PDB file of N, CA and C in Angstrom:
ATOM      1  N   MET A   1       0.826  -1.185   0.000  1.00  0.00           N
ATOM      2  CA  MET A   1       0.000   0.000   0.000  1.00  0.00           C
ATOM      3  C   MET A   1       0.873   1.252   0.000  1.00  0.00           C
ATOM      4  N   SER A   2       0.222   2.367  -0.122  1.00  0.00           N
ATOM      5  CA  SER A   2       0.968   3.599  -0.317  1.00  0.00           C
ATOM      6  C   SER A   2       1.254   4.379   0.967  1.00  0.00           C
ATOM      7  N   CYS A   3       0.737   3.947   2.096  1.00  0.00           N
ATOM      8  CA  CYS A   3       0.981   4.702   3.327  1.00  0.00           C
ATOM      9  C   CYS A   3       1.754   3.862   4.336  1.00  0.00           C
ATOM     10  N   ASN A   4       2.321   4.526   5.325  1.00  0.00           N
ATOM     11  CA  ASN A   4       3.119   3.838   6.337  1.00  0.00           C
ATOM     12  C   ASN A   4       2.272   2.976   7.264  1.00  0.00           C
ATOM     13  N   ASP A   5       1.018   3.355   7.482  1.00  0.00           N
ATOM     14  CA  ASP A   5       0.149   2.587   8.377  1.00  0.00           C
ATOM     15  C   ASP A   5      -0.138   1.202   7.829  1.00  0.00           C
ATOM     16  N   CYS A   6      -0.223   1.062   6.508  1.00  0.00           N
ATOM     17  CA  CYS A   6      -0.533  -0.237   5.909  1.00  0.00           C
ATOM     18  C   CYS A   6       0.657  -1.182   5.903  1.00  0.00           C
ATOM     19  N   GLU A   7       1.848  -0.668   6.125  1.00  0.00           N
ATOM     20  CA  GLU A   7       3.018  -1.527   6.154  1.00  0.00           C
ATOM     21  C   GLU A   7       3.174  -2.226   7.501  1.00  0.00           C
ATOM     22  N   GLU A   8       2.453  -1.762   8.510  1.00  0.00           N
ATOM     23  CA  GLU A   8       2.495  -2.406   9.809  1.00  0.00           C
ATOM     24  C   GLU A   8       1.669  -3.680   9.765  1.00  0.00           C
ATOM     25  N   SER A   9       1.968  -4.608  10.665  1.00  0.00           N
ATOM     26  CA  SER A   9       1.306  -5.905  10.600  1.00  0.00           C
ATOM     27  C   SER A   9       0.126  -6.037  11.554  1.00  0.00           C
ATOM     28  N   ILE A  10      -0.096  -5.094  12.430  1.00  0.00           N
ATOM     29  CA  ILE A  10      -1.181  -5.210  13.396  1.00  0.00           C
ATOM     30  C   ILE A  10      -2.440  -4.569  12.810  1.00  0.00           C
ATOM     31  N   PHE A  11      -3.503  -5.366  12.723  1.00  0.00           N
ATOM     32  CA  PHE A  11      -4.746  -4.924  12.089  1.00  0.00           C
ATOM     33  C   PHE A  11      -5.351  -3.717  12.802  1.00  0.00           C
ATOM     34  N   LYS A  12      -5.310  -3.705  14.133  1.00  0.00           N
ATOM     35  CA  LYS A  12      -5.912  -2.607  14.889  1.00  0.00           C
ATOM     36  C   LYS A  12      -5.224  -1.276  14.612  1.00  0.00           C
ATOM     37  N   GLN A  13      -3.948  -1.301  14.260  1.00  0.00           N
ATOM     38  CA  GLN A  13      -3.245  -0.062  13.969  1.00  0.00           C
ATOM     39  C   GLN A  13      -3.526   0.433  12.555  1.00  0.00           C
ATOM     40  N   LYS A  14      -3.943  -0.444  11.672  1.00  0.00           N
ATOM     41  CA  LYS A  14      -4.211  -0.065  10.293  1.00  0.00           C
ATOM     42  C   LYS A  14      -5.592   0.532  10.103  1.00  0.00           C
ATOM     43  N   ILE A  15      -6.572  -0.031  10.793  1.00  0.00           N
ATOM     44  CA  ILE A  15      -7.963   0.294  10.518  1.00  0.00           C
ATOM     45  C   ILE A  15      -8.278   1.742  10.881  1.00  0.00           C
ATOM     46  N   GLY A  16      -8.912   2.446   9.967  1.00  0.00           N
ATOM     47  CA  GLY A  16      -9.319   3.817  10.183  1.00  0.00           C
ATOM     48  C   GLY A  16      -8.264   4.861   9.913  1.00  0.00           C
ATOM     49  N   ARG A  17      -7.086   4.478   9.485  1.00  0.00           N
ATOM     50  CA  ARG A  17      -6.012   5.438   9.245  1.00  0.00           C
ATOM     51  C   ARG A  17      -5.623   5.565   7.781  1.00  0.00           C
ATOM     52  N   CYS A  18      -5.864   4.548   7.000  1.00  0.00           N
ATOM     53  CA  CYS A  18      -5.376   4.504   5.632  1.00  0.00           C
ATOM     54  C   CYS A  18      -6.406   5.085   4.673  1.00  0.00           C
ATOM     55  N   ARG A  19      -6.144   6.282   4.201  1.00  0.00           N
ATOM     56  CA  ARG A  19      -7.072   6.930   3.269  1.00  0.00           C
ATOM     57  C   ARG A  19      -7.084   6.214   1.921  1.00  0.00           C
ATOM     58  N   ALA A  20      -5.946   5.655   1.513  1.00  0.00           N
ATOM     59  CA  ALA A  20      -5.900   4.922   0.240  1.00  0.00           C
ATOM     60  C   ALA A  20      -6.798   3.692   0.308  1.00  0.00           C
ATOM     61  N   CYS A  21      -6.767   2.975   1.419  1.00  0.00           N
ATOM     62  CA  CYS A  21      -7.638   1.803   1.590  1.00  0.00           C
ATOM     63  C   CYS A  21      -9.101   2.216   1.561  1.00  0.00           C
ATOM     64  N   MET A  22      -9.431   3.307   2.238  1.00  0.00           N
ATOM     65  CA  MET A  22     -10.817   3.760   2.275  1.00  0.00           C
ATOM     66  C   MET A  22     -11.300   4.190   0.893  1.00  0.00           C
ATOM     67  N   MET A  23     -10.437   4.837   0.123  1.00  0.00           N
ATOM     68  CA  MET A  23     -10.815   5.234  -1.230  1.00  0.00           C
ATOM     69  C   MET A  23     -11.019   4.011  -2.125  1.00  0.00           C
ATOM     70  N   GLN A  24     -10.141   3.023  -1.998  1.00  0.00           N
ATOM     71  CA  GLN A  24     -10.289   1.800  -2.786  1.00  0.00           C
ATOM     72  C   GLN A  24     -11.587   1.077  -2.439  1.00  0.00           C
ATOM     73  N   LEU A  25     -11.903   0.996  -1.160  1.00  0.00           N
ATOM     74  CA  LEU A  25     -13.141   0.343  -0.747  1.00  0.00           C
ATOM     75  C   LEU A  25     -14.365   1.119  -1.222  1.00  0.00           C
ATOM     76  N   THR A  26     -14.278   2.443  -1.243  1.00  0.00           N
ATOM     77  CA  THR A  26     -15.381   3.257  -1.744  1.00  0.00           C
ATOM     78  C   THR A  26     -15.606   2.999  -3.223  1.00  0.00           C
ATOM     79  N   VAL A  27     -14.534   2.992  -4.002  1.00  0.00           N
ATOM     80  CA  VAL A  27     -14.654   2.745  -5.437  1.00  0.00           C
ATOM     81  C   VAL A  27     -15.191   1.340  -5.701  1.00  0.00           C
ATOM     82  N   LEU A  28     -14.669   0.355  -4.986  1.00  0.00           N
ATOM     83  CA  LEU A  28     -15.143  -1.016  -5.175  1.00  0.00           C
ATOM     84  C   LEU A  28     -16.622  -1.165  -4.799  1.00  0.00           C
ATOM     85  N   SER A  29     -17.038  -0.493  -3.743  1.00  0.00           N
ATOM     86  CA  SER A  29     -18.453  -0.553  -3.351  1.00  0.00           C
ATOM     87  C   SER A  29     -19.329   0.129  -4.395  1.00  0.00           C
ATOM     88  N   LEU A  30     -18.855   1.267  -4.906  1.00  0.00           N
ATOM     89  CA  LEU A  30     -19.631   1.990  -5.909  1.00  0.00           C
ATOM     90  C   LEU A  30     -19.710   1.245  -7.236  1.00  0.00           C
ATOM     91  N   ILE A  31     -18.767   0.380  -7.506  1.00  0.00           N
ATOM     92  CA  ILE A  31     -18.807  -0.424  -8.724  1.00  0.00           C
ATOM     93  C   ILE A  31     -19.639  -1.689  -8.518  1.00  0.00           C
ATOM     94  N   CYS A  32     -19.433  -2.370  -7.403  1.00  0.00           N
ATOM     95  CA  CYS A  32     -20.046  -3.691  -7.200  1.00  0.00           C
ATOM     96  C   CYS A  32     -21.548  -3.636  -6.936  1.00  0.00           C
ATOM     97  N   TRP A  33     -22.012  -2.686  -6.113  1.00  0.00           N
ATOM     98  CA  TRP A  33     -23.442  -2.658  -5.806  1.00  0.00           C
ATOM     99  C   TRP A  33     -24.300  -2.409  -7.035  1.00  0.00           C
ATOM    100  N   PRO A  34     -24.011  -1.410  -7.882  1.00  0.00           N
ATOM    101  CA  PRO A  34     -24.828  -1.261  -9.100  1.00  0.00           C
ATOM    102  C   PRO A  34     -24.694  -2.450 -10.049  1.00  0.00           C
ATOM    103  N   LEU A  35     -23.503  -3.033 -10.115  1.00  0.00           N
ATOM    104  CA  LEU A  35     -23.297  -4.208 -10.962  1.00  0.00           C
ATOM    105  C   LEU A  35     -24.186  -5.360 -10.497  1.00  0.00           C
ATOM    106  N   TRP A  36     -24.241  -5.587  -9.203  1.00  0.00           N
ATOM    107  CA  TRP A  36     -25.110  -6.645  -8.679  1.00  0.00           C
ATOM    108  C   TRP A  36     -26.580  -6.310  -8.951  1.00  0.00           C
ATOM    109  N   TRP A  37     -26.943  -5.055  -8.723  1.00  0.00           N
ATOM    110  CA  TRP A  37     -28.342  -4.659  -8.882  1.00  0.00           C
ATOM    111  C   TRP A  37     -28.811  -4.839 -10.324  1.00  0.00           C
ATOM    112  N   TRP A  38     -28.003  -4.396 -11.280  1.00  0.00           N
ATOM    113  CA  TRP A  38     -28.412  -4.469 -12.687  1.00  0.00           C
ATOM    114  C   TRP A  38     -28.374  -5.889 -13.243  1.00  0.00           C
ATOM    115  N   ASN A  39     -27.448  -6.705 -12.778  1.00  0.00           N
ATOM    116  CA  ASN A  39     -27.291  -8.028 -13.372  1.00  0.00           C
ATOM    117  C   ASN A  39     -27.974  -9.155 -12.603  1.00  0.00           C
ATOM    118  N   TYR A  40     -28.064  -9.058 -11.283  1.00  0.00           N
ATOM    119  CA  TYR A  40     -28.481 -10.221 -10.502  1.00  0.00           C
ATOM    120  C   TYR A  40     -29.609  -9.968  -9.515  1.00  0.00           C
ATOM    121  N   ALA A  41     -30.133  -8.785  -9.423  1.00  0.00           N
ATOM    122  CA  ALA A  41     -31.179  -8.518  -8.427  1.00  0.00           C
ATOM    123  C   ALA A  41     -32.452  -9.304  -8.718  1.00  0.00           C
ATOM    124  N   ASP A  42     -32.699  -9.591  -9.986  1.00  0.00           N
ATOM    125  CA  ASP A  42     -33.915 -10.329 -10.325  1.00  0.00           C
ATOM    126  C   ASP A  42     -33.799 -11.825 -10.043  1.00  0.00           C
ATOM    127  N   ASN A  43     -32.586 -12.348  -9.940  1.00  0.00           N
ATOM    128  CA  ASN A  43     -32.385 -13.766  -9.652  1.00  0.00           C
ATOM    129  C   ASN A  43     -31.249 -13.924  -8.631  1.00  0.00           C
ATOM    130  N   PRO A  44     -31.520 -13.661  -7.363  1.00  0.00           N
ATOM    131  CA  PRO A  44     -30.448 -13.668  -6.358  1.00  0.00           C
ATOM    132  C   PRO A  44     -29.985 -15.059  -5.925  1.00  0.00           C
ATOM    133  N   THR A  45     -30.535 -16.113  -6.500  1.00  0.00           N
ATOM    134  CA  THR A  45     -30.122 -17.455  -6.077  1.00  0.00           C
ATOM    135  C   THR A  45     -29.023 -18.041  -6.947  1.00  0.00           C
ATOM    136  N   LEU A  46     -28.585 -17.325  -7.970  1.00  0.00           N
ATOM    137  CA  LEU A  46     -27.473 -17.795  -8.794  1.00  0.00           C
ATOM    138  C   LEU A  46     -26.171 -17.744  -8.001  1.00  0.00           C
ATOM    139  N   VAL A  47     -25.268 -18.630  -8.310  1.00  0.00           N
ATOM    140  CA  VAL A  47     -23.980 -18.665  -7.620  1.00  0.00           C
ATOM    141  C   VAL A  47     -23.217 -17.358  -7.845  1.00  0.00           C
ATOM    142  N   GLU A  48     -23.258 -16.841  -9.076  1.00  0.00           N
ATOM    143  CA  GLU A  48     -22.567 -15.589  -9.375  1.00  0.00           C
ATOM    144  C   GLU A  48     -23.154 -14.427  -8.580  1.00  0.00           C
ATOM    145  N   SER A  49     -24.472 -14.431  -8.435  1.00  0.00           N
ATOM    146  CA  SER A  49     -25.143 -13.382  -7.673  1.00  0.00           C
ATOM    147  C   SER A  49     -24.750 -13.422  -6.201  1.00  0.00           C
ATOM    148  N   ILE A  50     -24.716 -14.607  -5.649  1.00  0.00           N
ATOM    149  CA  ILE A  50     -24.357 -14.755  -4.236  1.00  0.00           C
ATOM    150  C   ILE A  50     -22.907 -14.368  -4.003  1.00  0.00           C
ATOM    151  N   ALA A  51     -22.023 -14.765  -4.915  1.00  0.00           N
ATOM    152  CA  ALA A  51     -20.604 -14.415  -4.773  1.00  0.00           C
ATOM    153  C   ALA A  51     -20.407 -12.911  -4.845  1.00  0.00           C
ATOM    154  N   LEU A  52     -21.043 -12.262  -5.818  1.00  0.00           N
ATOM    155  CA  LEU A  52     -20.913 -10.815  -5.942  1.00  0.00           C
ATOM    156  C   LEU A  52     -21.543 -10.104  -4.749  1.00  0.00           C
ATOM    157  N   LEU A  53     -22.626 -10.634  -4.245  1.00  0.00           N
ATOM    158  CA  LEU A  53     -23.267 -10.049  -3.068  1.00  0.00           C
ATOM    159  C   LEU A  53     -22.357 -10.134  -1.848  1.00  0.00           C
ATOM    160  N   PHE A  54     -21.667 -11.266  -1.685  1.00  0.00           N
ATOM    161  CA  PHE A  54     -20.710 -11.373  -0.580  1.00  0.00           C
ATOM    162  C   PHE A  54     -19.571 -10.371  -0.727  1.00  0.00           C
ATOM    163  N   PHE A  55     -19.090 -10.166  -1.944  1.00  0.00           N
ATOM    164  CA  PHE A  55     -18.047  -9.167  -2.165  1.00  0.00           C
ATOM    165  C   PHE A  55     -18.559  -7.769  -1.832  1.00  0.00           C
ATOM    166  N   CYS A  56     -19.768  -7.465  -2.268  1.00  0.00           N
ATOM    167  CA  CYS A  56     -20.353  -6.146  -1.972  1.00  0.00           C
ATOM    168  C   CYS A  56     -20.472  -5.920  -0.468  1.00  0.00           C
ATOM    169  N   ILE A  57     -20.956  -6.913   0.232  1.00  0.00           N
ATOM    170  CA  ILE A  57     -21.108  -6.799   1.682  1.00  0.00           C
ATOM    171  C   ILE A  57     -19.755  -6.671   2.366  1.00  0.00           C
ATOM    172  N   ALA A  58     -18.768  -7.411   1.879  1.00  0.00           N
ATOM    173  CA  ALA A  58     -17.426  -7.335   2.471  1.00  0.00           C
ATOM    174  C   ALA A  58     -16.809  -5.960   2.258  1.00  0.00           C
ATOM    175  N   PHE A  59     -16.905  -5.428   1.038  1.00  0.00           N
ATOM    176  CA  PHE A  59     -16.347  -4.105   0.763  1.00  0.00           C
ATOM    177  C   PHE A  59     -17.041  -3.034   1.598  1.00  0.00           C
ATOM    178  N   SER A  60     -18.359  -3.068   1.622  1.00  0.00           N
ATOM    179  CA  SER A  60     -19.110  -2.061   2.366  1.00  0.00           C
ATOM    180  C   SER A  60     -18.912  -2.211   3.876  1.00  0.00           C
ATOM    181  N   GLY A  61     -18.831  -3.431   4.350  1.00  0.00           N
ATOM    182  CA  GLY A  61     -18.612  -3.653   5.781  1.00  0.00           C
ATOM    183  C   GLY A  61     -17.249  -3.173   6.234  1.00  0.00           C
ATOM    184  N   LEU A  62     -16.218  -3.463   5.448  1.00  0.00           N
ATOM    185  CA  LEU A  62     -14.882  -3.009   5.812  1.00  0.00           C
ATOM    186  C   LEU A  62     -14.770  -1.492   5.716  1.00  0.00           C
ATOM    187  N   LEU A  63     -15.422  -0.893   4.722  1.00  0.00           N
ATOM    188  CA  LEU A  63     -15.441   0.564   4.629  1.00  0.00           C
ATOM    189  C   LEU A  63     -16.159   1.163   5.829  1.00  0.00           C
ATOM    190  N   SER A  64     -17.272   0.572   6.236  1.00  0.00           N
ATOM    191  CA  SER A  64     -18.002   1.056   7.416  1.00  0.00           C
ATOM    192  C   SER A  64     -17.146   0.955   8.672  1.00  0.00           C
ATOM    193  N   LEU A  65     -16.430  -0.140   8.812  1.00  0.00           N
ATOM    194  CA  LEU A  65     -15.541  -0.306   9.962  1.00  0.00           C
ATOM    195  C   LEU A  65     -14.442   0.757   9.954  1.00  0.00           C
ATOM    196  N   HIS A  66     -13.855   1.010   8.801  1.00  0.00           N
ATOM    197  CA  HIS A  66     -12.852   2.070   8.680  1.00  0.00           C
ATOM    198  C   HIS A  66     -13.429   3.409   9.126  1.00  0.00           C
ATOM    199  N   LEU A  67     -14.627   3.738   8.660  1.00  0.00           N
ATOM    200  CA  LEU A  67     -15.225   5.039   8.972  1.00  0.00           C
ATOM    201  C   LEU A  67     -15.609   5.156  10.440  1.00  0.00           C
ATOM    202  N   VAL A  68     -16.122   4.089  11.022  1.00  0.00           N
ATOM    203  CA  VAL A  68     -16.480   4.119  12.448  1.00  0.00           C
ATOM    204  C   VAL A  68     -15.232   4.334  13.300  1.00  0.00           C
ATOM    205  N   VAL A  69     -14.161   3.617  13.000  1.00  0.00           N
ATOM    206  CA  VAL A  69     -12.925   3.757  13.772  1.00  0.00           C
ATOM    207  C   VAL A  69     -12.305   5.130  13.539  1.00  0.00           C
ATOM    208  N   LEU A  70     -12.378   5.642  12.315  1.00  0.00           N
ATOM    209  CA  LEU A  70     -11.860   6.981  12.025  1.00  0.00           C
ATOM    210  C   LEU A  70     -12.587   8.040  12.843  1.00  0.00           C
ATOM    211  N   ILE A  71     -13.915   7.954  12.884  1.00  0.00           N
ATOM    212  CA  ILE A  71     -14.705   8.912  13.671  1.00  0.00           C
ATOM    213  C   ILE A  71     -14.403   8.756  15.152  1.00  0.00           C
ATOM    214  N   TYR A  72     -14.299   7.527  15.633  1.00  0.00           N
ATOM    215  CA  TYR A  72     -13.978   7.291  17.042  1.00  0.00           C
ATOM    216  C   TYR A  72     -12.617   7.892  17.397  1.00  0.00           C
ATOM    217  N   ARG A  73     -11.618   7.692  16.547  1.00  0.00           N
ATOM    218  CA  ARG A  73     -10.293   8.249  16.821  1.00  0.00           C
ATOM    219  C   ARG A  73     -10.284   9.761  16.784  1.00  0.00           C
ATOM    220  N   LYS A  74     -11.051  10.350  15.866  1.00  0.00           N
ATOM    221  CA  LYS A  74     -11.137  11.810  15.806  1.00  0.00           C
ATOM    222  C   LYS A  74     -11.801  12.372  17.055  1.00  0.00           C
ATOM    223  N   LEU A  75     -12.863  11.720  17.511  1.00  0.00           N
ATOM    224  CA  LEU A  75     -13.572  12.199  18.693  1.00  0.00           C
ATOM    225  C   LEU A  75     -12.755  11.990  19.973  1.00  0.00           C
ATOM    226  N   SER A  76     -12.071  10.873  20.074  1.00  0.00           N
ATOM    227  CA  SER A  76     -11.284  10.614  21.283  1.00  0.00           C
ATOM    228  C   SER A  76     -10.005  11.439  21.323  1.00  0.00           C
ATOM    229  N   ALA A  77      -9.506  11.870  20.181  1.00  0.00           N
ATOM    230  CA  ALA A  77      -8.304  12.715  20.153  1.00  0.00           C
ATOM    231  C   ALA A  77      -8.632  14.157  20.515  1.00  0.00           C
ATOM    232  N   SER A  78      -9.867  14.577  20.303  1.00  0.00           N
ATOM    233  CA  SER A  78     -10.240  15.957  20.593  1.00  0.00           C
ATOM    234  C   SER A  78     -10.554  16.191  22.057  1.00  0.00           C
ATOM    235  N   GLU A  79     -10.697  15.129  22.830  1.00  0.00           N
ATOM    236  CA  GLU A  79     -11.033  15.271  24.259  1.00  0.00           C
ATOM    237  C   GLU A  79      -9.865  15.708  25.080  1.00  0.00           C
TER     238      GLU A  79
END
């Protein structure tokens, strides 16, 4: 990755600090959700649909975790 935080091996130190990771997850979420909606929303029981749905949930979940930890760190640093 492009930042010093991502070169560390401890997951707790990485999460919420890497803007490059957050941007990548945002782009991937913005690509995958419409792709799933247009191609597989009408038949969600296909293997391809389920796989893409898991990817969408993983990207969005990890992005949400990044944002929650980022907000928590910003709020706890201001105290």
